[in-house]
C-alpha atoms as a PDB file:
ATOM      1  CA  MET A   1      48.450-113.487 -17.249  1.00  0.00           C
ATOM      2  CA  LYS A   2      49.002-116.440 -15.136  1.00  0.00           C
ATOM      3  CA  ILE A   3      46.072-117.625 -13.003  1.00  0.00           C
ATOM      4  CA  THR A   4      45.811-120.812 -10.580  1.00  0.00           C
ATOM      5  CA  VAL A   5      42.754-123.065 -10.685  1.00  0.00           C
ATOM      6  CA  LYS A   6      41.888-124.849  -7.231  1.00  0.00           C
ATOM      7  CA  CYS A   7      40.453-128.391  -7.904  1.00  0.00           C
ATOM      8  CA  PHE A   8      37.682-129.522  -5.548  1.00  0.00           C
ATOM      9  CA  SER A   9      35.796-132.913  -5.481  1.00  0.00           C
ATOM     10  CA  GLN A  10      34.362-133.835  -9.134  1.00  0.00           C
ATOM     11  CA  VAL A  11      36.886-131.305 -10.784  1.00  0.00           C
ATOM     12  CA  ARG A  12      39.717-132.934  -8.737  1.00  0.00           C
ATOM     13  CA  TYR A  13      38.724-136.373  -9.953  1.00  0.00           C
ATOM     14  CA  ALA A  14      37.890-135.627 -13.654  1.00  0.00           C
ATOM     15  CA  LEU A  15      41.342-133.697 -13.798  1.00  0.00           C
ATOM     16  CA  GLU A  16      43.322-135.859 -11.518  1.00  0.00           C
ATOM     17  CA  LYS A  17      44.813-132.725  -9.903  1.00  0.00           C
ATOM     18  CA  ASP A  18      44.448-130.538  -7.191  1.00  0.00           C
ATOM     19  CA  GLU A  19      45.346-127.335  -8.976  1.00  0.00           C
ATOM     20  CA  LEU A  20      46.152-126.101 -12.249  1.00  0.00           C
ATOM     21  CA  SER A  21      48.276-122.841 -13.474  1.00  0.00           C
ATOM     22  CA  LEU A  22      46.878-121.445 -16.750  1.00  0.00           C
ATOM     23  CA  GLU A  23      48.226-118.796 -19.023  1.00  0.00           C
ATOM     24  CA  LEU A  24      45.793-116.850 -20.497  1.00  0.00           C
ATOM     25  CA  GLY A  25      45.431-113.760 -22.480  1.00  0.00           C
ATOM     26  CA  PRO A  26      43.967-110.359 -21.366  1.00  0.00           C
ATOM     27  CA  GLY A  27      40.481-110.017 -20.954  1.00  0.00           C
ATOM     28  CA  LYS A  28      39.427-113.836 -20.256  1.00  0.00           C
ATOM     29  CA  THR A  29      36.686-114.289 -17.921  1.00  0.00           C
ATOM     30  CA  THR A  30      35.974-117.061 -15.117  1.00  0.00           C
ATOM     31  CA  LYS A  31      33.195-118.525 -17.890  1.00  0.00           C
ATOM     32  CA  ASP A  32      36.257-119.062 -20.408  1.00  0.00           C
ATOM     33  CA  VAL A  33      38.342-120.709 -17.507  1.00  0.00           C
ATOM     34  CA  GLU A  34      35.338-122.917 -16.936  1.00  0.00           C
ATOM     35  CA  ASP A  35      35.136-124.061 -20.543  1.00  0.00           C
ATOM     36  CA  LEU A  36      38.815-125.076 -20.410  1.00  0.00           C
ATOM     37  CA  VAL A  37      38.334-126.944 -17.024  1.00  0.00           C
ATOM     38  CA  ARG A  38      35.528-129.004 -18.997  1.00  0.00           C
ATOM     39  CA  GLU A  39      37.419-129.417 -21.700  1.00  0.00           C
ATOM     40  CA  HIS A  40      40.284-130.889 -20.115  1.00  0.00           C
ATOM     41  CA  ALA A  41      37.595-132.958 -18.262  1.00  0.00           C
ATOM     42  CA  ASN A  42      36.827-134.867 -21.381  1.00  0.00           C
ATOM     43  CA  LYS A  43      32.871-134.979 -20.749  1.00  0.00           C
ATOM     44  CA  LYS A  44      33.703-135.999 -17.118  1.00  0.00           C
ATOM     45  CA  LEU A  45      31.950-132.799 -15.828  1.00  0.00           C
ATOM     46  CA  ASP A  46      29.020-132.852 -18.473  1.00  0.00           C
ATOM     47  CA  GLY A  47      25.863-131.622 -16.295  1.00  0.00           C
ATOM     48  CA  VAL A  48      27.688-130.728 -13.253  1.00  0.00           C
ATOM     49  CA  LEU A  49      27.042-127.354 -11.861  1.00  0.00           C
ATOM     50  CA  PHE A  50      29.602-125.171 -10.217  1.00  0.00           C
ATOM     51  CA  ARG A  51      29.700-122.321  -7.818  1.00  0.00           C
ATOM     52  CA  THR A  52      32.617-120.090  -9.018  1.00  0.00           C
ATOM     53  CA  ALA A  53      34.965-118.336  -6.512  1.00  0.00           C
ATOM     54  CA  VAL A  54      37.711-116.008  -7.354  1.00  0.00           C
ATOM     55  CA  ASN A  55      40.428-115.081  -4.785  1.00  0.00           C
ATOM     56  CA  ARG A  56      37.927-117.287  -2.014  1.00  0.00           C
ATOM     57  CA  ILE A  57      35.137-115.039  -2.620  1.00  0.00           C
ATOM     58  CA  TYR A  58      31.986-116.860  -4.374  1.00  0.00           C
ATOM     59  CA  ILE A  59      30.572-114.982  -7.605  1.00  0.00           C
ATOM     60  CA  LYS A  60      27.302-114.944  -9.194  1.00  0.00           C
ATOM     61  CA  GLU A  61      28.460-113.709 -12.643  1.00  0.00           C
ATOM     62  CA  PRO A  62      31.397-114.153 -15.157  1.00  0.00           C
ATOM     63  CA  ARG A  63      34.194-111.979 -13.905  1.00  0.00           C
ATOM     64  CA  GLU A  64      37.121-110.749 -16.116  1.00  0.00           C
ATOM     65  CA  LEU A  65      40.526-112.242 -14.456  1.00  0.00           C
ATOM     66  CA  LYS A  66      43.740-110.490 -13.414  1.00  0.00           C
ATOM     67  CA  ASP A  67      47.257-111.742 -13.252  1.00  0.00           C
ATOM     68  CA  GLY A  68      47.665-113.727 -10.091  1.00  0.00           C
ATOM     69  CA  ASP A  69      43.992-114.735  -9.624  1.00  0.00           C
ATOM     70  CA  GLU A  70      42.802-117.918  -7.928  1.00  0.00           C
ATOM     71  CA  VAL A  71      39.732-119.603  -9.558  1.00  0.00           C
ATOM     72  CA  ALA A  72      37.821-122.415  -7.673  1.00  0.00           C
ATOM     73  CA  PHE A  73      35.143-124.239  -9.174  1.00  0.00           C
ATOM     74  CA  ILE A  74      33.108-126.045  -6.465  1.00  0.00           C
ATOM     75  CA  PRO A  75      30.660-128.677  -7.354  1.00  0.00           C
ATOM     76  CA  PRO A  76      27.492-129.381  -5.416  1.00  0.00           C
ATOM     77  CA  VAL A  77      28.170-131.293  -1.860  1.00  0.00           C
ATOM     78  CA  GLN A  78      27.437-134.826  -2.069  1.00  0.00           C
ATOM     79  CA  GLY A  79      27.078-137.195   0.895  1.00  0.00           C
ATOM     80  CA  GLY A  80      25.617-140.474   1.549  1.00  0.00           C
END
């Protein structure tokens, strides 16, 4: 299945991309995608907590993904 990952804030800076397209096998969850994103970030996201959204709806627990889903990991808001 193919999913899209939207990259915001620290995720965007760590991956140097606004968006990723990933091909995943069946049964993959948002947790699996988060693990892949963190791996690609080369430790730049260690210790950063995310809110997770699937198709623009926030979720509290990992969710199994379907072909065409859009996943976003939103770090805490920062300001100064």
